[in-house]
Amino acid sequence: MLKELTHVISSSQLSLPAFELVLLMALLILALLFRYARAGILIAYLFTFRWALPIATGLGKEAYFGYLFMGTAVGVLAIVGLFSQTKA
């Protein structure tokens, strides 16, 4: 499994659309300016999750569903953490 993963990563070509990069940078700058650090982290996670999706499709069905399940679980936990109150 590890050899297959390293082969897929090394042979994959990742191209990121310029519009998405500009959108990511704008959203992160706005999050930092308005002191929404948690939202900025969540935004960065979502973009990274979306950009790695083509790589996950080359790993086979089991790994792809594992990627989607774990990514969704982390995203849901991050949103719950984002809206939870911290005690000061």
C-alpha atoms as a PDB file:
ATOM      1  CA  MET A   1       0.000   0.000   0.000  1.00  0.00           C
ATOM      2  CA  LEU A   2       2.805   2.418   0.890  1.00  0.00           C
ATOM      3  CA  LYS A   3       4.644   1.710  -2.374  1.00  0.00           C
ATOM      4  CA  GLU A   4       1.450   2.315  -4.314  1.00  0.00           C
ATOM      5  CA  LEU A   5       0.867   5.585  -2.453  1.00  0.00           C
ATOM      6  CA  THR A   6       4.393   6.868  -3.101  1.00  0.00           C
ATOM      7  CA  HIS A   7       4.121   5.846  -6.766  1.00  0.00           C
ATOM      8  CA  VAL A   8       0.814   7.694  -7.207  1.00  0.00           C
ATOM      9  CA  ILE A   9       2.146  10.813  -5.481  1.00  0.00           C
ATOM     10  CA  SER A  10       5.394  10.827  -7.443  1.00  0.00           C
ATOM     11  CA  SER A  11       3.705  10.220 -10.807  1.00  0.00           C
ATOM     12  CA  SER A  12       0.799  12.629 -10.289  1.00  0.00           C
ATOM     13  CA  GLN A  13       0.873  16.069 -11.761  1.00  0.00           C
ATOM     14  CA  LEU A  14      -0.886  18.643  -9.639  1.00  0.00           C
ATOM     15  CA  SER A  15      -2.014  21.826 -11.319  1.00  0.00           C
ATOM     16  CA  LEU A  16      -3.750  24.465  -9.261  1.00  0.00           C
ATOM     17  CA  PRO A  17      -6.030  26.987 -10.943  1.00  0.00           C
ATOM     18  CA  ALA A  18      -4.853  30.565 -10.513  1.00  0.00           C
ATOM     19  CA  PHE A  19      -8.349  31.701  -9.559  1.00  0.00           C
ATOM     20  CA  GLU A  20      -8.454  29.252  -6.655  1.00  0.00           C
ATOM     21  CA  LEU A  21      -5.050  30.391  -5.423  1.00  0.00           C
ATOM     22  CA  VAL A  22      -6.108  34.035  -5.524  1.00  0.00           C
ATOM     23  CA  LEU A  23      -9.383  33.185  -3.785  1.00  0.00           C
ATOM     24  CA  LEU A  24      -7.537  31.236  -1.087  1.00  0.00           C
ATOM     25  CA  MET A  25      -5.109  34.083  -0.457  1.00  0.00           C
ATOM     26  CA  ALA A  26      -7.918  36.652  -0.319  1.00  0.00           C
ATOM     27  CA  LEU A  27      -9.973  34.584   2.118  1.00  0.00           C
ATOM     28  CA  LEU A  28      -6.969  33.922   4.341  1.00  0.00           C
ATOM     29  CA  ILE A  29      -5.989  37.598   4.374  1.00  0.00           C
ATOM     30  CA  LEU A  30      -9.546  38.561   5.316  1.00  0.00           C
ATOM     31  CA  ALA A  31      -9.606  35.937   8.064  1.00  0.00           C
ATOM     32  CA  LEU A  32      -6.345  37.261   9.482  1.00  0.00           C
ATOM     33  CA  LEU A  33      -7.385  40.908   9.233  1.00  0.00           C
ATOM     34  CA  PHE A  34     -10.631  40.296  11.076  1.00  0.00           C
ATOM     35  CA  ARG A  35      -8.978  37.937  13.592  1.00  0.00           C
ATOM     36  CA  TYR A  36     -10.828  34.799  12.561  1.00  0.00           C
ATOM     37  CA  ALA A  37      -7.884  32.434  12.880  1.00  0.00           C
ATOM     38  CA  ARG A  38     -10.061  29.333  13.267  1.00  0.00           C
ATOM     39  CA  ALA A  39     -11.981  30.159  10.113  1.00  0.00           C
ATOM     40  CA  GLY A  40      -8.692  30.703   8.267  1.00  0.00           C
ATOM     41  CA  ILE A  41      -7.448  27.280   9.320  1.00  0.00           C
ATOM     42  CA  LEU A  42     -10.713  25.694   8.174  1.00  0.00           C
ATOM     43  CA  ILE A  43     -10.535  27.522   4.830  1.00  0.00           C
ATOM     44  CA  ALA A  44      -6.961  26.328   4.274  1.00  0.00           C
ATOM     45  CA  TYR A  45      -8.015  22.764   5.153  1.00  0.00           C
ATOM     46  CA  LEU A  46     -10.904  22.806   2.684  1.00  0.00           C
ATOM     47  CA  PHE A  47      -8.729  24.062  -0.157  1.00  0.00           C
ATOM     48  CA  THR A  48      -6.038  21.485   0.611  1.00  0.00           C
ATOM     49  CA  PHE A  49      -8.653  18.736   0.797  1.00  0.00           C
ATOM     50  CA  ARG A  50     -10.069  19.789  -2.570  1.00  0.00           C
ATOM     51  CA  TRP A  51      -6.645  20.025  -4.235  1.00  0.00           C
ATOM     52  CA  ALA A  52      -5.592  16.554  -3.042  1.00  0.00           C
ATOM     53  CA  LEU A  53      -8.780  14.908  -4.311  1.00  0.00           C
ATOM     54  CA  PRO A  54      -7.377  14.089  -7.792  1.00  0.00           C
ATOM     55  CA  ILE A  55      -4.461  12.264  -6.161  1.00  0.00           C
ATOM     56  CA  ALA A  56      -6.853  10.249  -3.992  1.00  0.00           C
ATOM     57  CA  THR A  57      -8.820   9.113  -7.028  1.00  0.00           C
ATOM     58  CA  GLY A  58      -5.736   7.292  -8.323  1.00  0.00           C
ATOM     59  CA  LEU A  59      -5.339   5.185  -5.185  1.00  0.00           C
ATOM     60  CA  GLY A  60      -8.261   2.813  -5.684  1.00  0.00           C
ATOM     61  CA  LYS A  61     -11.752   2.646  -4.274  1.00  0.00           C
ATOM     62  CA  GLU A  62     -10.862   1.699  -0.696  1.00  0.00           C
ATOM     63  CA  ALA A  63      -8.320   4.470  -0.276  1.00  0.00           C
ATOM     64  CA  TYR A  64     -10.595   6.959  -2.019  1.00  0.00           C
ATOM     65  CA  PHE A  65     -13.516   6.249   0.311  1.00  0.00           C
ATOM     66  CA  GLY A  66     -11.144   6.332   3.272  1.00  0.00           C
ATOM     67  CA  TYR A  67      -9.904   9.728   2.102  1.00  0.00           C
ATOM     68  CA  LEU A  68     -13.443  11.037   1.774  1.00  0.00           C
ATOM     69  CA  PHE A  69     -14.558   9.590   5.115  1.00  0.00           C
ATOM     70  CA  MET A  70     -11.574  10.847   7.106  1.00  0.00           C
ATOM     71  CA  GLY A  71     -11.612  14.208   5.363  1.00  0.00           C
ATOM     72  CA  THR A  72     -15.284  14.677   6.089  1.00  0.00           C
ATOM     73  CA  ALA A  73     -14.833  13.575   9.708  1.00  0.00           C
ATOM     74  CA  VAL A  74     -11.998  16.046  10.249  1.00  0.00           C
ATOM     75  CA  GLY A  75     -14.020  18.790   8.550  1.00  0.00           C
ATOM     76  CA  VAL A  76     -17.062  18.155  10.754  1.00  0.00           C
ATOM     77  CA  LEU A  77     -14.927  18.107  13.897  1.00  0.00           C
ATOM     78  CA  ALA A  78     -13.259  21.338  12.823  1.00  0.00           C
ATOM     79  CA  ILE A  79     -16.624  23.027  12.293  1.00  0.00           C
ATOM     80  CA  VAL A  80     -17.831  21.821  15.701  1.00  0.00           C
ATOM     81  CA  GLY A  81     -14.634  23.161  17.243  1.00  0.00           C
ATOM     82  CA  LEU A  82     -15.058  26.429  15.390  1.00  0.00           C
ATOM     83  CA  PHE A  83     -18.479  27.054  16.863  1.00  0.00           C
ATOM     84  CA  SER A  84     -17.744  25.810  20.369  1.00  0.00           C
ATOM     85  CA  GLN A  85     -17.116  28.383  23.050  1.00  0.00           C
ATOM     86  CA  THR A  86     -13.707  28.475  24.693  1.00  0.00           C
ATOM     87  CA  LYS A  87     -13.625  29.223  28.389  1.00  0.00           C
ATOM     88  CA  ALA A  88     -11.211  31.989  29.256  1.00  0.00           C
END
